[in-house]
Amino acid sequence: MATVRPDGAPVTLACWYLYDGDSRVLLSSSPTARRVEHLRHNPRVALTILGDDWYTHLSLLGHVVEQRPDADLTDVDRLSQHYLGIPYPEREPGLTTIVELDGYHTYGSGFGT
């Protein structure tokens, strides 16, 4: 995931994501994570999803359309179930970010259009 810092510098980090349909992607973070500040300053996001090898990927471009508290951990538990098969082990309230997709690019044969 890539965001833009207030000083204009790009920042990338690995993250869990879940395609939520209707051209939207669900992300979760701590409410105090630096990326939350970055997204409030500049809501543009880029995500790269790797396929089975480094030469197959899907790149997504989008913008934040919603940020909301995840006090009951519903959204982070959905992500954790998807990736780990269990509820998220840390039980601190989180923040859900919804990104609406503006475009995408695929490379390689592992992703359909």
N, C-alpha and C. Protein backbone atom coordinates (compact mmCIF):
# COMPACT_ATOMS: atom_id res chain seq x y z
N MET A 1 0.86 -1.17 0.00
CA MET A 1 0.00 0.00 0.00
C MET A 1 0.90 1.23 0.00
N ALA A 2 0.56 2.19 -0.83
CA ALA A 2 1.32 3.44 -0.88
C ALA A 2 0.40 4.60 -0.53
N THR A 3 0.92 5.51 0.28
CA THR A 3 0.24 6.75 0.61
C THR A 3 1.23 7.90 0.39
N VAL A 4 0.76 9.10 0.61
CA VAL A 4 1.62 10.27 0.45
C VAL A 4 1.68 11.02 1.78
N ARG A 5 2.89 11.25 2.26
CA ARG A 5 3.05 12.00 3.51
C ARG A 5 2.69 13.47 3.28
N PRO A 6 2.40 14.21 4.36
CA PRO A 6 2.10 15.63 4.21
C PRO A 6 3.20 16.43 3.51
N ASP A 7 4.46 15.97 3.60
CA ASP A 7 5.55 16.69 2.92
C ASP A 7 5.69 16.28 1.45
N GLY A 8 4.79 15.40 0.97
CA GLY A 8 4.79 15.00 -0.43
C GLY A 8 5.56 13.72 -0.73
N ALA A 9 6.27 13.17 0.25
CA ALA A 9 7.05 11.96 0.02
C ALA A 9 6.13 10.73 0.02
N PRO A 10 6.37 9.78 -0.89
CA PRO A 10 5.57 8.56 -0.89
C PRO A 10 6.02 7.62 0.23
N VAL A 11 5.08 6.81 0.71
CA VAL A 11 5.36 5.83 1.76
C VAL A 11 4.67 4.53 1.36
N THR A 12 5.37 3.42 1.49
CA THR A 12 4.75 2.13 1.20
C THR A 12 4.84 1.23 2.43
N LEU A 13 3.89 0.32 2.53
CA LEU A 13 3.90 -0.68 3.59
C LEU A 13 3.05 -1.85 3.17
N ALA A 14 3.37 -3.00 3.70
CA ALA A 14 2.55 -4.19 3.45
C ALA A 14 1.30 -4.09 4.30
N CYS A 15 0.18 -4.58 3.77
CA CYS A 15 -1.05 -4.52 4.54
C CYS A 15 -2.02 -5.60 4.09
N TRP A 16 -2.96 -5.91 4.96
CA TRP A 16 -4.08 -6.76 4.58
C TRP A 16 -5.11 -5.91 3.87
N TYR A 17 -5.78 -6.48 2.92
CA TYR A 17 -6.85 -5.80 2.20
C TYR A 17 -7.93 -6.83 1.91
N LEU A 18 -9.12 -6.35 1.61
CA LEU A 18 -10.21 -7.22 1.22
C LEU A 18 -11.06 -6.48 0.20
N TYR A 19 -11.17 -7.06 -0.99
CA TYR A 19 -12.04 -6.46 -2.01
C TYR A 19 -13.46 -6.63 -1.51
N ASP A 20 -14.17 -5.52 -1.37
CA ASP A 20 -15.47 -5.52 -0.73
C ASP A 20 -16.61 -5.38 -1.74
N GLY A 21 -16.31 -5.53 -3.02
CA GLY A 21 -17.32 -5.39 -4.05
C GLY A 21 -17.59 -3.94 -4.38
N ASP A 22 -18.35 -3.70 -5.43
CA ASP A 22 -18.69 -2.34 -5.84
C ASP A 22 -17.46 -1.45 -5.99
N SER A 23 -16.35 -2.03 -6.46
CA SER A 23 -15.10 -1.29 -6.68
C SER A 23 -14.55 -0.66 -5.41
N ARG A 24 -14.72 -1.34 -4.28
CA ARG A 24 -14.22 -0.84 -3.00
C ARG A 24 -13.33 -1.87 -2.31
N VAL A 25 -12.33 -1.35 -1.61
CA VAL A 25 -11.39 -2.18 -0.87
C VAL A 25 -11.42 -1.77 0.59
N LEU A 26 -11.47 -2.77 1.47
CA LEU A 26 -11.48 -2.53 2.91
C LEU A 26 -10.06 -2.67 3.44
N LEU A 27 -9.64 -1.69 4.23
CA LEU A 27 -8.35 -1.71 4.93
C LEU A 27 -8.61 -1.47 6.41
N SER A 28 -7.69 -1.90 7.25
CA SER A 28 -7.84 -1.69 8.68
C SER A 28 -6.50 -1.27 9.27
N SER A 29 -6.56 -0.44 10.30
CA SER A 29 -5.33 0.01 10.96
C SER A 29 -5.65 0.46 12.37
N SER A 30 -4.62 0.75 13.09
CA SER A 30 -4.77 1.40 14.37
C SER A 30 -5.19 2.85 14.11
N PRO A 31 -6.06 3.40 14.95
CA PRO A 31 -6.44 4.81 14.74
C PRO A 31 -5.26 5.78 14.86
N THR A 32 -4.17 5.34 15.49
CA THR A 32 -3.01 6.21 15.67
C THR A 32 -1.89 5.94 14.65
N ALA A 33 -2.13 5.07 13.68
CA ALA A 33 -1.11 4.76 12.68
C ALA A 33 -0.81 6.00 11.84
N ARG A 34 0.43 6.15 11.47
CA ARG A 34 0.83 7.31 10.66
C ARG A 34 0.09 7.37 9.34
N ARG A 35 -0.22 6.21 8.76
CA ARG A 35 -0.91 6.22 7.46
C ARG A 35 -2.28 6.86 7.56
N VAL A 36 -2.90 6.83 8.76
CA VAL A 36 -4.20 7.49 8.95
C VAL A 36 -4.06 8.98 8.72
N GLU A 37 -3.01 9.57 9.29
CA GLU A 37 -2.73 11.00 9.07
C GLU A 37 -2.45 11.28 7.60
N HIS A 38 -1.67 10.39 6.96
CA HIS A 38 -1.35 10.57 5.54
C HIS A 38 -2.63 10.59 4.71
N LEU A 39 -3.55 9.66 4.99
CA LEU A 39 -4.78 9.56 4.21
C LEU A 39 -5.73 10.72 4.47
N ARG A 40 -5.69 11.27 5.66
CA ARG A 40 -6.53 12.45 5.93
C ARG A 40 -6.00 13.67 5.19
N HIS A 41 -4.69 13.74 5.06
CA HIS A 41 -4.06 14.86 4.35
C HIS A 41 -4.22 14.71 2.83
N ASN A 42 -4.06 13.46 2.34
CA ASN A 42 -4.13 13.18 0.92
C ASN A 42 -4.77 11.80 0.77
N PRO A 43 -6.01 11.71 0.33
CA PRO A 43 -6.74 10.45 0.35
C PRO A 43 -6.39 9.46 -0.77
N ARG A 44 -5.37 9.76 -1.57
CA ARG A 44 -5.01 8.85 -2.66
C ARG A 44 -4.23 7.65 -2.14
N VAL A 45 -4.54 6.48 -2.72
CA VAL A 45 -3.93 5.22 -2.31
C VAL A 45 -3.55 4.41 -3.54
N ALA A 46 -2.45 3.69 -3.46
CA ALA A 46 -2.09 2.69 -4.46
C ALA A 46 -1.83 1.38 -3.73
N LEU A 47 -2.31 0.29 -4.30
CA LEU A 47 -2.09 -1.05 -3.73
C LEU A 47 -1.51 -1.93 -4.82
N THR A 48 -0.55 -2.76 -4.46
CA THR A 48 -0.02 -3.76 -5.37
C THR A 48 -0.27 -5.13 -4.76
N ILE A 49 -0.89 -5.99 -5.55
CA ILE A 49 -1.22 -7.35 -5.11
C ILE A 49 -0.42 -8.30 -5.99
N LEU A 50 0.44 -9.09 -5.34
CA LEU A 50 1.29 -10.02 -6.08
C LEU A 50 0.54 -11.31 -6.37
N GLY A 51 0.81 -11.89 -7.54
CA GLY A 51 0.27 -13.19 -7.90
C GLY A 51 1.18 -14.29 -7.39
N ASP A 52 1.26 -15.36 -8.13
CA ASP A 52 2.07 -16.51 -7.72
C ASP A 52 3.57 -16.26 -7.85
N ASP A 53 3.96 -15.24 -8.60
CA ASP A 53 5.38 -14.90 -8.72
C ASP A 53 5.51 -13.38 -8.86
N TRP A 54 6.73 -12.89 -8.86
CA TRP A 54 6.98 -11.45 -8.91
C TRP A 54 6.57 -10.83 -10.24
N TYR A 55 6.36 -11.65 -11.25
CA TYR A 55 6.04 -11.13 -12.57
C TYR A 55 4.54 -11.09 -12.85
N THR A 56 3.74 -11.42 -11.85
CA THR A 56 2.29 -11.36 -11.99
C THR A 56 1.77 -10.48 -10.87
N HIS A 57 1.15 -9.37 -11.23
CA HIS A 57 0.63 -8.48 -10.19
C HIS A 57 -0.58 -7.70 -10.70
N LEU A 58 -1.29 -7.17 -9.73
CA LEU A 58 -2.43 -6.28 -9.96
C LEU A 58 -2.14 -5.00 -9.20
N SER A 59 -2.14 -3.89 -9.88
CA SER A 59 -1.92 -2.59 -9.24
C SER A 59 -3.24 -1.82 -9.24
N LEU A 60 -3.64 -1.35 -8.07
CA LEU A 60 -4.89 -0.62 -7.90
C LEU A 60 -4.61 0.83 -7.54
N LEU A 61 -5.38 1.74 -8.09
CA LEU A 61 -5.34 3.15 -7.72
C LEU A 61 -6.71 3.53 -7.19
N GLY A 62 -6.75 4.28 -6.10
CA GLY A 62 -8.04 4.66 -5.55
C GLY A 62 -7.92 5.84 -4.61
N HIS A 63 -9.05 6.13 -3.97
CA HIS A 63 -9.09 7.23 -3.01
C HIS A 63 -10.00 6.84 -1.85
N VAL A 64 -9.70 7.36 -0.69
CA VAL A 64 -10.48 7.07 0.51
C VAL A 64 -11.84 7.74 0.41
N VAL A 65 -12.90 6.95 0.63
CA VAL A 65 -14.24 7.50 0.65
C VAL A 65 -14.86 7.43 2.05
N GLU A 66 -14.22 6.68 2.94
CA GLU A 66 -14.76 6.57 4.30
C GLU A 66 -13.68 6.08 5.25
N GLN A 67 -13.68 6.66 6.44
CA GLN A 67 -12.91 6.16 7.57
C GLN A 67 -13.86 6.14 8.75
N ARG A 68 -13.89 4.99 9.45
CA ARG A 68 -14.83 4.86 10.57
C ARG A 68 -14.20 4.01 11.66
N PRO A 69 -14.58 4.27 12.91
CA PRO A 69 -14.08 3.44 14.01
C PRO A 69 -14.55 1.99 13.84
N ASP A 70 -13.70 1.08 14.22
CA ASP A 70 -14.03 -0.35 14.24
C ASP A 70 -13.96 -0.82 15.69
N ALA A 71 -14.80 -0.23 16.53
CA ALA A 71 -14.76 -0.47 17.98
C ALA A 71 -15.04 -1.93 18.32
N ASP A 72 -15.93 -2.57 17.58
CA ASP A 72 -16.25 -3.97 17.88
C ASP A 72 -15.37 -4.95 17.09
N LEU A 73 -14.43 -4.43 16.32
CA LEU A 73 -13.44 -5.20 15.56
C LEU A 73 -14.04 -6.08 14.46
N THR A 74 -15.22 -5.74 14.00
CA THR A 74 -15.87 -6.52 12.95
C THR A 74 -15.03 -6.57 11.68
N ASP A 75 -14.53 -5.43 11.25
CA ASP A 75 -13.78 -5.38 9.99
C ASP A 75 -12.41 -6.02 10.10
N VAL A 76 -11.69 -5.75 11.16
CA VAL A 76 -10.36 -6.38 11.29
C VAL A 76 -10.50 -7.88 11.49
N ASP A 77 -11.57 -8.33 12.13
CA ASP A 77 -11.80 -9.77 12.25
C ASP A 77 -12.10 -10.40 10.89
N ARG A 78 -12.82 -9.69 10.02
CA ARG A 78 -13.04 -10.18 8.65
C ARG A 78 -11.72 -10.36 7.91
N LEU A 79 -10.85 -9.38 8.03
CA LEU A 79 -9.54 -9.48 7.40
C LEU A 79 -8.73 -10.63 7.99
N SER A 80 -8.71 -10.74 9.30
CA SER A 80 -7.95 -11.79 9.96
C SER A 80 -8.49 -13.18 9.60
N GLN A 81 -9.81 -13.31 9.54
CA GLN A 81 -10.40 -14.59 9.12
C GLN A 81 -9.94 -14.94 7.70
N HIS A 82 -9.90 -13.93 6.84
CA HIS A 82 -9.49 -14.14 5.46
C HIS A 82 -8.03 -14.60 5.37
N TYR A 83 -7.14 -13.98 6.13
CA TYR A 83 -5.71 -14.27 6.04
C TYR A 83 -5.24 -15.37 6.98
N LEU A 84 -5.80 -15.42 8.20
CA LEU A 84 -5.30 -16.36 9.20
C LEU A 84 -6.30 -17.46 9.58
N GLY A 85 -7.59 -17.22 9.27
CA GLY A 85 -8.61 -18.18 9.64
C GLY A 85 -9.07 -18.08 11.08
N ILE A 86 -8.68 -17.00 11.77
CA ILE A 86 -9.07 -16.78 13.17
C ILE A 86 -9.38 -15.29 13.36
N PRO A 87 -10.14 -14.94 14.43
CA PRO A 87 -10.33 -13.52 14.74
C PRO A 87 -8.97 -12.86 15.04
N TYR A 88 -8.91 -11.56 14.82
CA TYR A 88 -7.65 -10.84 15.04
C TYR A 88 -7.25 -10.95 16.50
N PRO A 89 -6.01 -11.37 16.79
CA PRO A 89 -5.62 -11.63 18.18
C PRO A 89 -5.54 -10.38 19.07
N GLU A 90 -5.14 -9.24 18.51
CA GLU A 90 -5.07 -8.02 19.32
C GLU A 90 -6.46 -7.40 19.39
N ARG A 91 -6.95 -7.11 20.57
CA ARG A 91 -8.35 -6.69 20.72
C ARG A 91 -8.51 -5.20 21.01
N GLU A 92 -7.59 -4.38 20.51
CA GLU A 92 -7.72 -2.93 20.64
C GLU A 92 -8.60 -2.40 19.52
N PRO A 93 -9.47 -1.42 19.79
CA PRO A 93 -10.31 -0.86 18.72
C PRO A 93 -9.47 -0.33 17.56
N GLY A 94 -9.98 -0.52 16.36
CA GLY A 94 -9.24 -0.12 15.17
C GLY A 94 -9.97 0.94 14.38
N LEU A 95 -9.47 1.18 13.19
CA LEU A 95 -10.06 2.14 12.27
C LEU A 95 -10.19 1.46 10.91
N THR A 96 -11.36 1.52 10.33
CA THR A 96 -11.61 0.96 9.01
C THR A 96 -11.51 2.08 7.97
N THR A 97 -10.83 1.77 6.89
CA THR A 97 -10.73 2.69 5.76
C THR A 97 -11.30 2.00 4.54
N ILE A 98 -12.20 2.69 3.84
CA ILE A 98 -12.77 2.17 2.60
C ILE A 98 -12.19 2.99 1.44
N VAL A 99 -11.60 2.28 0.49
CA VAL A 99 -11.00 2.90 -0.68
C VAL A 99 -11.85 2.56 -1.90
N GLU A 100 -12.24 3.58 -2.63
CA GLU A 100 -12.95 3.38 -3.89
C GLU A 100 -11.93 3.37 -5.02
N LEU A 101 -12.02 2.37 -5.88
CA LEU A 101 -11.04 2.21 -6.95
C LEU A 101 -11.31 3.18 -8.09
N ASP A 102 -10.22 3.79 -8.57
CA ASP A 102 -10.27 4.69 -9.71
C ASP A 102 -9.74 4.02 -10.97
N GLY A 103 -8.91 3.01 -10.80
CA GLY A 103 -8.34 2.32 -11.94
C GLY A 103 -7.45 1.19 -11.49
N TYR A 104 -6.99 0.39 -12.47
CA TYR A 104 -6.11 -0.73 -12.16
C TYR A 104 -5.27 -1.07 -13.38
N HIS A 105 -4.23 -1.85 -13.14
CA HIS A 105 -3.36 -2.34 -14.20
C HIS A 105 -2.94 -3.74 -13.81
N THR A 106 -2.96 -4.67 -14.75
CA THR A 106 -2.50 -6.02 -14.48
C THR A 106 -1.25 -6.29 -15.31
N TYR A 107 -0.44 -7.18 -14.79
CA TYR A 107 0.74 -7.62 -15.52
C TYR A 107 0.89 -9.11 -15.29
N GLY A 108 1.17 -9.85 -16.32
CA GLY A 108 1.29 -11.29 -16.21
C GLY A 108 -0.04 -11.98 -16.49
N SER A 109 -0.06 -13.28 -16.30
CA SER A 109 -1.24 -14.05 -16.67
C SER A 109 -2.09 -14.48 -15.49
N GLY A 110 -1.79 -14.04 -14.28
CA GLY A 110 -2.49 -14.54 -13.11
C GLY A 110 -3.75 -13.77 -12.72
N PHE A 111 -4.01 -12.62 -13.33
CA PHE A 111 -5.17 -11.82 -12.98
C PHE A 111 -6.01 -11.56 -14.23
N GLY A 112 -7.29 -11.83 -14.16
CA GLY A 112 -8.19 -11.51 -15.27
C GLY A 112 -8.57 -10.06 -15.25
N THR A 113 -9.14 -9.59 -16.30
CA THR A 113 -9.58 -8.20 -16.34
C THR A 113 -11.06 -8.10 -16.11
